[in-house]
Amino acid sequence: MKVTCSGCGKSYTVNDEKIPEGRQIDIPCPGCSTPIVVKKQETAHTHHGLPAHGEALLKKIVRESRALPPMPEVMGRALRVLSDETCGFNEIGAVINTDQALATRVLKIANSAYYSLSVPVSTVKQAAAIMGCQAISDLITVVSTSRMLGKNLAGYRISSRHLWEHSLACAYTSRLIAEAKHPALANDAFNAGLIHDSGLLMLDPFIGMLKPAFDEAMKRNHTTFCDAENELFGFTHAEVAGLFFQKWNLPKVQTEAICFQHTPDEGNSPLAHIIHVADALAMRTMESPDPTGVHSRMSPGSIQALGLTPEELEEIGAKAKEAVASVTQSLA
């Protein structure tokens, strides 16, 4: 901040970062030794006791939150290699093998019952050759994000097990829907489905700060997390995640789908419809806690846009549940 001495009229720039809000200190003027009063104003609390609201708070959370890390280095390198059509199984194996813990967990899932390999694989290169590059990409993403998504959310009252299993179920459900209705989106669907609820991790500390207000909002009939979040913050966990994952340089089709997952008709995106339906179907399939039943409801517009039948939904849900059981057992 800039201050001016009342004695000699000289102005100075003072670093006020270490001055507590609402406190004042006297600093001797370097020129004439006249005490200069420096006071740091309190930050304006505009809504529910928060330091900001709406877009200002949204940007602050995305910029400063440590709930989600930058994209894991090996994951980023592996996905870049996998997206390069000139690279082969040797390059894929070399990148993943730089992180032995990652490689070991990828191989455990690859050898699980869900993938039903005729011959057990002992190297990432061998797994890629048998399963295909995209399947390996999926496993790298699952392993790399498992710790990030395996956290208790005290504010939302969601256990680490429920969050992780729901995220996995949404990923596999999204891929299965995409493969049936929009094959070109299958890869994007898996990645976006896996991390679609990451915004909950970033908002949970703030939900904890405003727990009575959040609980009161959730008691109303037909209230969703998004309704309560909009009331408290002026945005939703989906918007937080969509904006944050731009920092991961995820494809625009994924970040937009995550952002509009709960309002797919507004997003005008087939992938948003896929994530929306997969999210609700995963809630039902995994029997996730949903006291009001609103989180497991699907938009009729999304069902119509995707052309899904009840029989298809039942079959997809069963396959996704099988995948989740196999993967979680492998990672235990």
C-alpha atoms as a PDB file:
ATOM      1  CA  MET A   1       0.000   0.000   0.000  1.00  0.00           C
ATOM      2  CA  LYS A   2       1.046   3.633  -0.488  1.00  0.00           C
ATOM      3  CA  VAL A   3       1.468   5.921   2.533  1.00  0.00           C
ATOM      4  CA  THR A   4       2.410   9.601   2.875  1.00  0.00           C
ATOM      5  CA  CYS A   5       4.344  11.158   5.758  1.00  0.00           C
ATOM      6  CA  SER A   6       2.458  14.029   7.430  1.00  0.00           C
ATOM      7  CA  GLY A   7       5.768  15.603   8.451  1.00  0.00           C
ATOM      8  CA  CYS A   8       7.763  15.912   5.222  1.00  0.00           C
ATOM      9  CA  GLY A   9       5.119  14.944   2.650  1.00  0.00           C
ATOM     10  CA  LYS A  10       7.150  12.107   1.140  1.00  0.00           C
ATOM     11  CA  SER A  11       5.293   8.997  -0.085  1.00  0.00           C
ATOM     12  CA  TYR A  12       6.384   5.407   0.375  1.00  0.00           C
ATOM     13  CA  THR A  13       5.187   1.941  -0.649  1.00  0.00           C
ATOM     14  CA  VAL A  14       4.695  -0.381   2.335  1.00  0.00           C
ATOM     15  CA  ASN A  15       4.432  -4.177   2.120  1.00  0.00           C
ATOM     16  CA  ASP A  16       1.315  -4.843   4.193  1.00  0.00           C
ATOM     17  CA  GLU A  17       1.151  -8.623   3.766  1.00  0.00           C
ATOM     18  CA  LYS A  18       2.329  -9.250   7.348  1.00  0.00           C
ATOM     19  CA  ILE A  19       0.012  -6.694   8.936  1.00  0.00           C
ATOM     20  CA  PRO A  20      -3.118  -8.348  10.415  1.00  0.00           C
ATOM     21  CA  GLU A  21      -6.442  -7.158   9.009  1.00  0.00           C
ATOM     22  CA  GLY A  22      -7.985  -4.328  10.991  1.00  0.00           C
ATOM     23  CA  ARG A  23      -4.718  -3.578  12.850  1.00  0.00           C
ATOM     24  CA  GLN A  24      -2.537  -0.483  12.626  1.00  0.00           C
ATOM     25  CA  ILE A  25       1.165   0.068  13.249  1.00  0.00           C
ATOM     26  CA  ASP A  26       3.426   3.131  13.413  1.00  0.00           C
ATOM     27  CA  ILE A  27       6.384   3.232  11.037  1.00  0.00           C
ATOM     28  CA  PRO A  28       9.056   5.974  11.416  1.00  0.00           C
ATOM     29  CA  CYS A  29       9.426   8.040   8.241  1.00  0.00           C
ATOM     30  CA  PRO A  30      12.864   7.254   6.691  1.00  0.00           C
ATOM     31  CA  GLY A  31      13.238  10.963   5.856  1.00  0.00           C
ATOM     32  CA  CYS A  32      12.191  12.839   9.006  1.00  0.00           C
ATOM     33  CA  SER A  33      11.352  10.111  11.555  1.00  0.00           C
ATOM     34  CA  THR A  34       7.733  11.290  11.912  1.00  0.00           C
ATOM     35  CA  PRO A  35       5.530   8.274  12.808  1.00  0.00           C
ATOM     36  CA  ILE A  36       3.419   7.146   9.848  1.00  0.00           C
ATOM     37  CA  VAL A  37       0.243   5.305  10.819  1.00  0.00           C
ATOM     38  CA  VAL A  38      -0.318   2.245   8.622  1.00  0.00           C
ATOM     39  CA  LYS A  39      -3.634   0.427   8.886  1.00  0.00           C
ATOM     40  CA  LYS A  40      -4.702  -2.589   6.889  1.00  0.00           C
ATOM     41  CA  GLN A  41      -8.397  -2.571   6.117  1.00  0.00           C
ATOM     42  CA  GLU A  42     -10.454  -5.663   6.795  1.00  0.00           C
ATOM     43  CA  THR A  43     -11.460  -7.666   3.758  1.00  0.00           C
ATOM     44  CA  ALA A  44     -15.077  -7.094   2.892  1.00  0.00           C
ATOM     45  CA  HIS A  45     -17.236 -10.109   3.706  1.00  0.00           C
ATOM     46  CA  THR A  46     -20.109  -9.860   1.307  1.00  0.00           C
ATOM     47  CA  HIS A  47     -22.119 -13.055   1.604  1.00  0.00           C
ATOM     48  CA  HIS A  48     -22.511 -15.635   4.376  1.00  0.00           C
ATOM     49  CA  GLY A  49     -19.249 -14.432   5.922  1.00  0.00           C
ATOM     50  CA  LEU A  50     -17.218 -15.358   2.822  1.00  0.00           C
ATOM     51  CA  PRO A  51     -14.420 -13.108   1.525  1.00  0.00           C
ATOM     52  CA  ALA A  52     -16.150 -12.916  -1.862  1.00  0.00           C
ATOM     53  CA  HIS A  53     -19.160 -14.250  -3.761  1.00  0.00           C
ATOM     54  CA  GLY A  54     -20.067 -15.339  -7.248  1.00  0.00           C
ATOM     55  CA  GLU A  55     -17.440 -15.079  -9.962  1.00  0.00           C
ATOM     56  CA  ALA A  56     -14.867 -13.462  -7.655  1.00  0.00           C
ATOM     57  CA  LEU A  57     -15.052 -16.370  -5.196  1.00  0.00           C
ATOM     58  CA  LEU A  58     -15.103 -18.925  -8.016  1.00  0.00           C
ATOM     59  CA  LYS A  59     -11.869 -17.585  -9.482  1.00  0.00           C
ATOM     60  CA  LYS A  60     -10.292 -17.362  -6.032  1.00  0.00           C
ATOM     61  CA  ILE A  61     -11.068 -21.030  -5.275  1.00  0.00           C
ATOM     62  CA  VAL A  62      -9.761 -22.231  -8.648  1.00  0.00           C
ATOM     63  CA  ARG A  63      -6.622 -20.121  -8.265  1.00  0.00           C
ATOM     64  CA  GLU A  64      -5.799 -20.929  -4.626  1.00  0.00           C
ATOM     65  CA  SER A  65      -7.364 -24.296  -3.776  1.00  0.00           C
ATOM     66  CA  ARG A  66      -4.986 -27.121  -2.919  1.00  0.00           C
ATOM     67  CA  ALA A  67      -7.704 -29.772  -2.831  1.00  0.00           C
ATOM     68  CA  LEU A  68      -6.727 -30.819  -6.345  1.00  0.00           C
ATOM     69  CA  PRO A  69      -3.107 -30.997  -7.495  1.00  0.00           C
ATOM     70  CA  PRO A  70      -1.674 -30.121 -10.890  1.00  0.00           C
ATOM     71  CA  MET A  71      -1.925 -33.025 -13.333  1.00  0.00           C
ATOM     72  CA  PRO A  72       0.447 -35.761 -12.097  1.00  0.00           C
ATOM     73  CA  GLU A  73       3.656 -35.556 -14.127  1.00  0.00           C
ATOM     74  CA  VAL A  74       3.813 -39.191 -15.228  1.00  0.00           C
ATOM     75  CA  MET A  75       0.126 -39.168 -16.101  1.00  0.00           C
ATOM     76  CA  GLY A  76       0.636 -36.130 -18.300  1.00  0.00           C
ATOM     77  CA  ARG A  77       3.651 -37.644 -20.039  1.00  0.00           C
ATOM     78  CA  ALA A  78       1.915 -40.974 -20.569  1.00  0.00           C
ATOM     79  CA  LEU A  79      -1.199 -39.389 -22.032  1.00  0.00           C
ATOM     80  CA  ARG A  80       0.908 -37.263 -24.388  1.00  0.00           C
ATOM     81  CA  VAL A  81       2.686 -40.392 -25.618  1.00  0.00           C
ATOM     82  CA  LEU A  82      -0.595 -42.233 -26.035  1.00  0.00           C
ATOM     83  CA  SER A  83      -2.029 -39.384 -28.097  1.00  0.00           C
ATOM     84  CA  ASP A  84       0.951 -39.513 -30.488  1.00  0.00           C
ATOM     85  CA  GLU A  85       0.138 -41.943 -33.274  1.00  0.00           C
ATOM     86  CA  THR A  86       3.829 -42.361 -34.101  1.00  0.00           C
ATOM     87  CA  CYS A  87       4.636 -43.787 -30.666  1.00  0.00           C
ATOM     88  CA  GLY A  88       4.473 -47.498 -29.955  1.00  0.00           C
ATOM     89  CA  PHE A  89       4.266 -49.894 -27.035  1.00  0.00           C
ATOM     90  CA  ASN A  90       7.963 -49.428 -26.158  1.00  0.00           C
ATOM     91  CA  GLU A  91       7.499 -45.680 -25.581  1.00  0.00           C
ATOM     92  CA  ILE A  92       4.381 -46.243 -23.500  1.00  0.00           C
ATOM     93  CA  GLY A  93       6.112 -48.814 -21.322  1.00  0.00           C
ATOM     94  CA  ALA A  94       9.192 -46.628 -20.878  1.00  0.00           C
ATOM     95  CA  VAL A  95       7.178 -43.644 -19.630  1.00  0.00           C
ATOM     96  CA  ILE A  96       5.023 -45.584 -17.171  1.00  0.00           C
ATOM     97  CA  ASN A  97       7.959 -47.594 -15.872  1.00  0.00           C
ATOM     98  CA  THR A  98       9.561 -44.376 -14.585  1.00  0.00           C
ATOM     99  CA  ASP A  99       6.975 -44.635 -11.783  1.00  0.00           C
ATOM    100  CA  GLN A 100       7.087 -48.201 -10.517  1.00  0.00           C
ATOM    101  CA  ALA A 101       4.183 -47.710  -8.127  1.00  0.00           C
ATOM    102  CA  LEU A 102       2.008 -46.532 -11.018  1.00  0.00           C
ATOM    103  CA  ALA A 103       3.178 -49.378 -13.257  1.00  0.00           C
ATOM    104  CA  THR A 104       2.485 -51.997 -10.560  1.00  0.00           C
ATOM    105  CA  ARG A 105      -1.053 -50.768  -9.952  1.00  0.00           C
ATOM    106  CA  VAL A 106      -1.809 -50.534 -13.674  1.00  0.00           C
ATOM    107  CA  LEU A 107      -0.714 -54.167 -14.108  1.00  0.00           C
ATOM    108  CA  LYS A 108      -2.829 -55.302 -11.141  1.00  0.00           C
ATOM    109  CA  ILE A 109      -5.962 -53.855 -12.739  1.00  0.00           C
ATOM    110  CA  ALA A 110      -5.016 -55.163 -16.185  1.00  0.00           C
ATOM    111  CA  ASN A 111      -4.822 -58.676 -14.730  1.00  0.00           C
ATOM    112  CA  SER A 112      -8.160 -58.333 -12.910  1.00  0.00           C
ATOM    113  CA  ALA A 113     -11.177 -60.454 -13.750  1.00  0.00           C
ATOM    114  CA  TYR A 114     -12.943 -57.573 -15.489  1.00  0.00           C
ATOM    115  CA  TYR A 115     -10.462 -57.454 -18.381  1.00  0.00           C
ATOM    116  CA  SER A 116     -10.408 -61.257 -18.718  1.00  0.00           C
ATOM    117  CA  LEU A 117      -7.004 -61.467 -20.393  1.00  0.00           C
ATOM    118  CA  SER A 118      -6.267 -64.912 -21.777  1.00  0.00           C
ATOM    119  CA  VAL A 119      -2.636 -64.558 -20.674  1.00  0.00           C
ATOM    120  CA  PRO A 120      -1.557 -62.635 -17.532  1.00  0.00           C
ATOM    121  CA  VAL A 121       0.645 -59.640 -18.358  1.00  0.00           C
ATOM    122  CA  SER A 122       3.845 -58.832 -16.487  1.00  0.00           C
ATOM    123  CA  THR A 123       4.951 -55.599 -18.210  1.00  0.00           C
ATOM    124  CA  VAL A 124       3.176 -52.419 -19.252  1.00  0.00           C
ATOM    125  CA  LYS A 125       4.452 -52.915 -22.800  1.00  0.00           C
ATOM    126  CA  GLN A 126       2.865 -56.362 -22.911  1.00  0.00           C
ATOM    127  CA  ALA A 127      -0.391 -55.025 -21.446  1.00  0.00           C
ATOM    128  CA  ALA A 128      -0.542 -52.261 -24.059  1.00  0.00           C
ATOM    129  CA  ALA A 129       0.073 -54.740 -26.863  1.00  0.00           C
ATOM    130  CA  ILE A 130      -2.737 -57.036 -25.717  1.00  0.00           C
ATOM    131  CA  MET A 131      -5.291 -54.546 -24.379  1.00  0.00           C
ATOM    132  CA  GLY A 132      -4.669 -51.621 -26.693  1.00  0.00           C
ATOM    133  CA  CYS A 133      -3.414 -48.133 -25.996  1.00  0.00           C
ATOM    134  CA  GLN A 134      -6.769 -46.687 -25.006  1.00  0.00           C
ATOM    135  CA  ALA A 135      -7.405 -49.287 -22.319  1.00  0.00           C
ATOM    136  CA  ILE A 136      -3.973 -48.538 -20.862  1.00  0.00           C
ATOM    137  CA  SER A 137      -4.768 -44.827 -20.983  1.00  0.00           C
ATOM    138  CA  ASP A 138      -7.919 -45.482 -18.946  1.00  0.00           C
ATOM    139  CA  LEU A 139      -5.977 -47.436 -16.335  1.00  0.00           C
ATOM    140  CA  ILE A 140      -3.296 -44.747 -16.049  1.00  0.00           C
ATOM    141  CA  THR A 141      -6.017 -42.158 -15.439  1.00  0.00           C
ATOM    142  CA  VAL A 142      -7.732 -44.351 -12.830  1.00  0.00           C
ATOM    143  CA  VAL A 143      -4.540 -45.058 -10.890  1.00  0.00           C
ATOM    144  CA  SER A 144      -3.283 -41.463 -11.102  1.00  0.00           C
ATOM    145  CA  THR A 145      -6.521 -40.007  -9.738  1.00  0.00           C
ATOM    146  CA  SER A 146      -7.356 -42.691  -7.164  1.00  0.00           C
ATOM    147  CA  ARG A 147      -5.680 -40.883  -4.266  1.00  0.00           C
ATOM    148  CA  MET A 148      -7.066 -37.523  -5.324  1.00  0.00           C
ATOM    149  CA  LEU A 149     -10.637 -38.845  -5.368  1.00  0.00           C
ATOM    150  CA  GLY A 150     -10.315 -41.134  -2.341  1.00  0.00           C
ATOM    151  CA  LYS A 151     -11.057 -38.483   0.274  1.00  0.00           C
ATOM    152  CA  ASN A 152     -13.780 -38.002   2.858  1.00  0.00           C
ATOM    153  CA  LEU A 153     -15.965 -34.955   2.269  1.00  0.00           C
ATOM    154  CA  ALA A 154     -17.087 -33.938   5.746  1.00  0.00           C
ATOM    155  CA  GLY A 155     -19.093 -30.942   4.553  1.00  0.00           C
ATOM    156  CA  TYR A 156     -21.147 -32.925   2.064  1.00  0.00           C
ATOM    157  CA  ARG A 157     -21.141 -36.030   4.301  1.00  0.00           C
ATOM    158  CA  ILE A 158     -19.743 -38.235   1.535  1.00  0.00           C
ATOM    159  CA  SER A 159     -17.294 -40.974   2.505  1.00  0.00           C
ATOM    160  CA  SER A 160     -14.096 -41.593   0.548  1.00  0.00           C
ATOM    161  CA  ARG A 161     -15.416 -45.019  -0.480  1.00  0.00           C
ATOM    162  CA  HIS A 162     -18.656 -43.633  -1.893  1.00  0.00           C
ATOM    163  CA  LEU A 163     -16.882 -40.824  -3.746  1.00  0.00           C
ATOM    164  CA  TRP A 164     -14.306 -43.152  -5.306  1.00  0.00           C
ATOM    165  CA  GLU A 165     -16.771 -45.896  -6.246  1.00  0.00           C
ATOM    166  CA  HIS A 166     -19.211 -43.379  -7.687  1.00  0.00           C
ATOM    167  CA  SER A 167     -16.444 -41.724  -9.725  1.00  0.00           C
ATOM    168  CA  LEU A 168     -15.352 -45.083 -11.131  1.00  0.00           C
ATOM    169  CA  ALA A 169     -18.924 -46.086 -11.895  1.00  0.00           C
ATOM    170  CA  CYS A 170     -19.551 -42.813 -13.703  1.00  0.00           C
ATOM    171  CA  ALA A 171     -16.369 -43.270 -15.763  1.00  0.00           C
ATOM    172  CA  TYR A 172     -17.232 -46.777 -16.941  1.00  0.00           C
ATOM    173  CA  THR A 173     -20.899 -45.903 -17.439  1.00  0.00           C
ATOM    174  CA  SER A 174     -19.937 -42.852 -19.491  1.00  0.00           C
ATOM    175  CA  ARG A 175     -17.646 -44.919 -21.706  1.00  0.00           C
ATOM    176  CA  LEU A 176     -20.295 -47.596 -22.254  1.00  0.00           C
ATOM    177  CA  ILE A 177     -22.943 -45.029 -23.187  1.00  0.00           C
ATOM    178  CA  ALA A 178     -20.547 -43.268 -25.534  1.00  0.00           C
ATOM    179  CA  GLU A 179     -19.487 -46.516 -27.190  1.00  0.00           C
ATOM    180  CA  ALA A 180     -23.161 -47.286 -27.861  1.00  0.00           C
ATOM    181  CA  LYS A 181     -24.325 -43.836 -28.978  1.00  0.00           C
ATOM    182  CA  HIS A 182     -21.304 -41.598 -29.749  1.00  0.00           C
ATOM    183  CA  PRO A 183     -18.230 -43.824 -30.281  1.00  0.00           C
ATOM    184  CA  ALA A 184     -15.956 -40.886 -31.119  1.00  0.00           C
ATOM    185  CA  LEU A 185     -16.521 -39.541 -27.584  1.00  0.00           C
ATOM    186  CA  ALA A 186     -15.689 -42.767 -25.729  1.00  0.00           C
ATOM    187  CA  ASN A 187     -12.223 -41.662 -24.572  1.00  0.00           C
ATOM    188  CA  ASP A 188     -13.370 -38.200 -23.509  1.00  0.00           C
ATOM    189  CA  ALA A 189     -16.372 -39.756 -21.767  1.00  0.00           C
ATOM    190  CA  PHE A 190     -14.234 -41.996 -19.557  1.00  0.00           C
ATOM    191  CA  ASN A 191     -11.891 -39.200 -18.460  1.00  0.00           C
ATOM    192  CA  ALA A 192     -14.648 -36.645 -17.857  1.00  0.00           C
ATOM    193  CA  GLY A 193     -16.803 -39.203 -16.071  1.00  0.00           C
ATOM    194  CA  LEU A 194     -13.995 -40.149 -13.706  1.00  0.00           C
ATOM    195  CA  ILE A 195     -13.283 -36.586 -12.524  1.00  0.00           C
ATOM    196  CA  HIS A 196     -16.751 -35.078 -12.950  1.00  0.00           C
ATOM    197  CA  ASP A 197     -17.275 -34.599  -9.182  1.00  0.00           C
ATOM    198  CA  SER A 198     -13.848 -33.129  -8.415  1.00  0.00           C
ATOM    199  CA  GLY A 199     -15.447 -29.761  -7.719  1.00  0.00           C
ATOM    200  CA  LEU A 200     -16.924 -31.268  -4.548  1.00  0.00           C
ATOM    201  CA  LEU A 201     -13.380 -31.650  -3.213  1.00  0.00           C
ATOM    202  CA  MET A 202     -12.666 -27.980  -3.814  1.00  0.00           C
ATOM    203  CA  LEU A 203     -15.917 -26.701  -2.304  1.00  0.00           C
ATOM    204  CA  ASP A 204     -16.058 -29.055   0.691  1.00  0.00           C
ATOM    205  CA  PRO A 205     -13.994 -26.796   3.026  1.00  0.00           C
ATOM    206  CA  PHE A 206     -16.384 -23.919   2.311  1.00  0.00           C
ATOM    207  CA  ILE A 207     -19.418 -26.149   2.825  1.00  0.00           C
ATOM    208  CA  GLY A 208     -17.899 -27.015   6.199  1.00  0.00           C
ATOM    209  CA  MET A 209     -17.626 -23.308   7.050  1.00  0.00           C
ATOM    210  CA  LEU A 210     -21.310 -22.783   6.215  1.00  0.00           C
ATOM    211  CA  LYS A 211     -22.636 -26.133   7.442  1.00  0.00           C
ATOM    212  CA  PRO A 212     -25.806 -24.852   9.157  1.00  0.00           C
ATOM    213  CA  ALA A 213     -26.815 -22.822   6.085  1.00  0.00           C
ATOM    214  CA  PHE A 214     -25.995 -25.734   3.763  1.00  0.00           C
ATOM    215  CA  ASP A 215     -27.950 -28.226   5.874  1.00  0.00           C
ATOM    216  CA  GLU A 216     -30.908 -25.839   6.012  1.00  0.00           C
ATOM    217  CA  ALA A 217     -30.872 -25.466   2.234  1.00  0.00           C
ATOM    218  CA  MET A 218     -30.692 -29.242   1.737  1.00  0.00           C
ATOM    219  CA  LYS A 219     -33.740 -29.801   3.939  1.00  0.00           C
ATOM    220  CA  ARG A 220     -35.986 -28.151   1.384  1.00  0.00           C
ATOM    221  CA  ASN A 221     -37.955 -30.395  -0.933  1.00  0.00           C
ATOM    222  CA  HIS A 222     -36.255 -31.446  -4.176  1.00  0.00           C
ATOM    223  CA  THR A 223     -33.045 -29.581  -3.326  1.00  0.00           C
ATOM    224  CA  THR A 224     -29.814 -30.751  -4.933  1.00  0.00           C
ATOM    225  CA  PHE A 225     -26.207 -29.974  -4.037  1.00  0.00           C
ATOM    226  CA  CYS A 226     -26.202 -27.558  -6.972  1.00  0.00           C
ATOM    227  CA  ASP A 227     -29.259 -25.687  -5.642  1.00  0.00           C
ATOM    228  CA  ALA A 228     -27.655 -25.264  -2.227  1.00  0.00           C
ATOM    229  CA  GLU A 229     -24.287 -24.281  -3.727  1.00  0.00           C
ATOM    230  CA  ASN A 230     -25.863 -21.668  -5.946  1.00  0.00           C
ATOM    231  CA  GLU A 231     -27.646 -20.196  -2.940  1.00  0.00           C
ATOM    232  CA  LEU A 232     -24.489 -20.061  -0.817  1.00  0.00           C
ATOM    233  CA  PHE A 233     -21.814 -19.254  -3.386  1.00  0.00           C
ATOM    234  CA  GLY A 234     -23.444 -18.172  -6.631  1.00  0.00           C
ATOM    235  CA  PHE A 235     -22.003 -21.152  -8.556  1.00  0.00           C
ATOM    236  CA  THR A 236     -21.825 -24.946  -8.382  1.00  0.00           C
ATOM    237  CA  HIS A 237     -19.190 -27.643  -7.906  1.00  0.00           C
ATOM    238  CA  ALA A 238     -19.572 -28.495 -11.590  1.00  0.00           C
ATOM    239  CA  GLU A 239     -18.551 -24.980 -12.598  1.00  0.00           C
ATOM    240  CA  VAL A 240     -15.568 -25.103 -10.232  1.00  0.00           C
ATOM    241  CA  ALA A 241     -14.332 -28.386 -11.725  1.00  0.00           C
ATOM    242  CA  GLY A 242     -14.907 -27.274 -15.312  1.00  0.00           C
ATOM    243  CA  LEU A 243     -12.850 -24.132 -14.768  1.00  0.00           C
ATOM    244  CA  PHE A 244     -10.118 -25.878 -12.776  1.00  0.00           C
ATOM    245  CA  PHE A 245      -9.509 -28.585 -15.358  1.00  0.00           C
ATOM    246  CA  GLN A 246      -8.714 -25.954 -17.933  1.00  0.00           C
ATOM    247  CA  LYS A 247      -5.464 -25.689 -15.924  1.00  0.00           C
ATOM    248  CA  TRP A 248      -4.865 -29.366 -16.708  1.00  0.00           C
ATOM    249  CA  ASN A 249      -5.243 -28.469 -20.382  1.00  0.00           C
ATOM    250  CA  LEU A 250      -8.010 -31.000 -20.776  1.00  0.00           C
ATOM    251  CA  PRO A 251      -9.839 -30.883 -24.116  1.00  0.00           C
ATOM    252  CA  LYS A 252     -12.599 -28.292 -24.245  1.00  0.00           C
ATOM    253  CA  VAL A 253     -15.195 -30.975 -24.910  1.00  0.00           C
ATOM    254  CA  GLN A 254     -14.396 -32.503 -21.491  1.00  0.00           C
ATOM    255  CA  THR A 255     -14.274 -29.281 -19.452  1.00  0.00           C
ATOM    256  CA  GLU A 256     -17.560 -28.055 -20.957  1.00  0.00           C
ATOM    257  CA  ALA A 257     -19.260 -31.402 -20.330  1.00  0.00           C
ATOM    258  CA  ILE A 258     -18.146 -31.347 -16.685  1.00  0.00           C
ATOM    259  CA  CYS A 259     -19.376 -27.773 -16.310  1.00  0.00           C
ATOM    260  CA  PHE A 260     -22.821 -28.557 -17.787  1.00  0.00           C
ATOM    261  CA  GLN A 261     -23.233 -32.074 -16.374  1.00  0.00           C
ATOM    262  CA  HIS A 262     -26.229 -31.029 -14.254  1.00  0.00           C
ATOM    263  CA  THR A 263     -27.699 -28.690 -16.881  1.00  0.00           C
ATOM    264  CA  PRO A 264     -27.016 -30.623 -20.098  1.00  0.00           C
ATOM    265  CA  ASP A 265     -29.738 -28.880 -22.086  1.00  0.00           C
ATOM    266  CA  GLU A 266     -27.885 -25.584 -21.600  1.00  0.00           C
ATOM    267  CA  GLY A 267     -24.546 -26.988 -22.717  1.00  0.00           C
ATOM    268  CA  ASN A 268     -25.672 -28.198 -26.159  1.00  0.00           C
ATOM    269  CA  SER A 269     -23.084 -30.981 -25.837  1.00  0.00           C
ATOM    270  CA  PRO A 270     -23.613 -34.713 -26.416  1.00  0.00           C
ATOM    271  CA  LEU A 271     -20.887 -35.402 -23.845  1.00  0.00           C
ATOM    272  CA  ALA A 272     -22.710 -33.322 -21.225  1.00  0.00           C
ATOM    273  CA  HIS A 273     -25.802 -35.494 -21.797  1.00  0.00           C
ATOM    274  CA  ILE A 274     -23.631 -38.619 -21.452  1.00  0.00           C
ATOM    275  CA  ILE A 275     -22.048 -37.469 -18.171  1.00  0.00           C
ATOM    276  CA  HIS A 276     -25.438 -36.391 -16.822  1.00  0.00           C
ATOM    277  CA  VAL A 277     -27.071 -39.765 -17.472  1.00  0.00           C
ATOM    278  CA  ALA A 278     -23.975 -41.690 -16.335  1.00  0.00           C
ATOM    279  CA  ASP A 279     -23.859 -39.713 -13.069  1.00  0.00           C
ATOM    280  CA  ALA A 280     -27.490 -40.519 -12.240  1.00  0.00           C
ATOM    281  CA  LEU A 281     -27.189 -44.146 -13.340  1.00  0.00           C
ATOM    282  CA  ALA A 282     -24.015 -44.567 -11.268  1.00  0.00           C
ATOM    283  CA  MET A 283     -25.875 -43.233  -8.221  1.00  0.00           C
ATOM    284  CA  ARG A 284     -28.509 -45.929  -8.679  1.00  0.00           C
ATOM    285  CA  THR A 285     -26.099 -48.713  -9.609  1.00  0.00           C
ATOM    286  CA  MET A 286     -23.772 -48.157  -6.655  1.00  0.00           C
ATOM    287  CA  GLU A 287     -26.644 -47.329  -4.303  1.00  0.00           C
ATOM    288  CA  SER A 288     -24.944 -44.072  -3.344  1.00  0.00           C
ATOM    289  CA  PRO A 289     -26.506 -42.031  -0.523  1.00  0.00           C
ATOM    290  CA  ASP A 290     -29.301 -39.877  -1.972  1.00  0.00           C
ATOM    291  CA  PRO A 291     -31.815 -39.099   0.804  1.00  0.00           C
ATOM    292  CA  THR A 292     -34.118 -36.974  -1.376  1.00  0.00           C
ATOM    293  CA  GLY A 293     -33.730 -39.063  -4.518  1.00  0.00           C
ATOM    294  CA  VAL A 294     -33.078 -36.011  -6.673  1.00  0.00           C
ATOM    295  CA  HIS A 295     -29.451 -36.766  -7.528  1.00  0.00           C
ATOM    296  CA  SER A 296     -30.306 -40.030  -9.256  1.00  0.00           C
ATOM    297  CA  ARG A 297     -32.957 -38.526 -11.525  1.00  0.00           C
ATOM    298  CA  MET A 298     -32.178 -38.263 -15.211  1.00  0.00           C
ATOM    299  CA  SER A 299     -33.255 -35.443 -17.474  1.00  0.00           C
ATOM    300  CA  PRO A 300     -35.826 -36.739 -20.003  1.00  0.00           C
ATOM    301  CA  GLY A 301     -34.119 -34.462 -22.525  1.00  0.00           C
ATOM    302  CA  SER A 302     -30.833 -36.310 -22.072  1.00  0.00           C
ATOM    303  CA  ILE A 303     -32.467 -39.725 -22.381  1.00  0.00           C
ATOM    304  CA  GLN A 304     -34.139 -38.568 -25.566  1.00  0.00           C
ATOM    305  CA  ALA A 305     -30.998 -36.932 -26.948  1.00  0.00           C
ATOM    306  CA  LEU A 306     -29.027 -40.148 -26.440  1.00  0.00           C
ATOM    307  CA  GLY A 307     -31.824 -42.479 -27.504  1.00  0.00           C
ATOM    308  CA  LEU A 308     -31.348 -44.771 -24.520  1.00  0.00           C
ATOM    309  CA  THR A 309     -33.879 -47.480 -23.644  1.00  0.00           C
ATOM    310  CA  PRO A 310     -34.542 -48.819 -20.128  1.00  0.00           C
ATOM    311  CA  GLU A 311     -33.043 -52.150 -21.201  1.00  0.00           C
ATOM    312  CA  GLU A 312     -29.845 -50.467 -22.379  1.00  0.00           C
ATOM    313  CA  LEU A 313     -29.540 -48.513 -19.135  1.00  0.00           C
ATOM    314  CA  GLU A 314     -29.948 -51.669 -17.071  1.00  0.00           C
ATOM    315  CA  GLU A 315     -27.296 -53.519 -19.084  1.00  0.00           C
ATOM    316  CA  ILE A 316     -24.840 -50.608 -18.941  1.00  0.00           C
ATOM    317  CA  GLY A 317     -25.343 -50.216 -15.199  1.00  0.00           C
ATOM    318  CA  ALA A 318     -24.628 -53.899 -14.589  1.00  0.00           C
ATOM    319  CA  LYS A 319     -21.421 -53.820 -16.649  1.00  0.00           C
ATOM    320  CA  ALA A 320     -20.199 -50.670 -14.891  1.00  0.00           C
ATOM    321  CA  LYS A 321     -20.878 -52.178 -11.465  1.00  0.00           C
ATOM    322  CA  GLU A 322     -18.815 -55.237 -12.431  1.00  0.00           C
ATOM    323  CA  ALA A 323     -15.942 -53.001 -13.533  1.00  0.00           C
ATOM    324  CA  VAL A 324     -15.988 -51.008 -10.285  1.00  0.00           C
ATOM    325  CA  ALA A 325     -15.915 -54.156  -8.144  1.00  0.00           C
ATOM    326  CA  SER A 326     -12.963 -55.540 -10.089  1.00  0.00           C
ATOM    327  CA  VAL A 327     -10.935 -52.323 -10.098  1.00  0.00           C
ATOM    328  CA  THR A 328     -11.481 -51.488  -6.428  1.00  0.00           C
ATOM    329  CA  GLN A 329     -10.492 -55.014  -5.440  1.00  0.00           C
ATOM    330  CA  SER A 330      -7.316 -54.718  -7.523  1.00  0.00           C
ATOM    331  CA  LEU A 331      -6.352 -51.427  -5.917  1.00  0.00           C
ATOM    332  CA  ALA A 332      -7.096 -52.525  -2.357  1.00  0.00           C
END
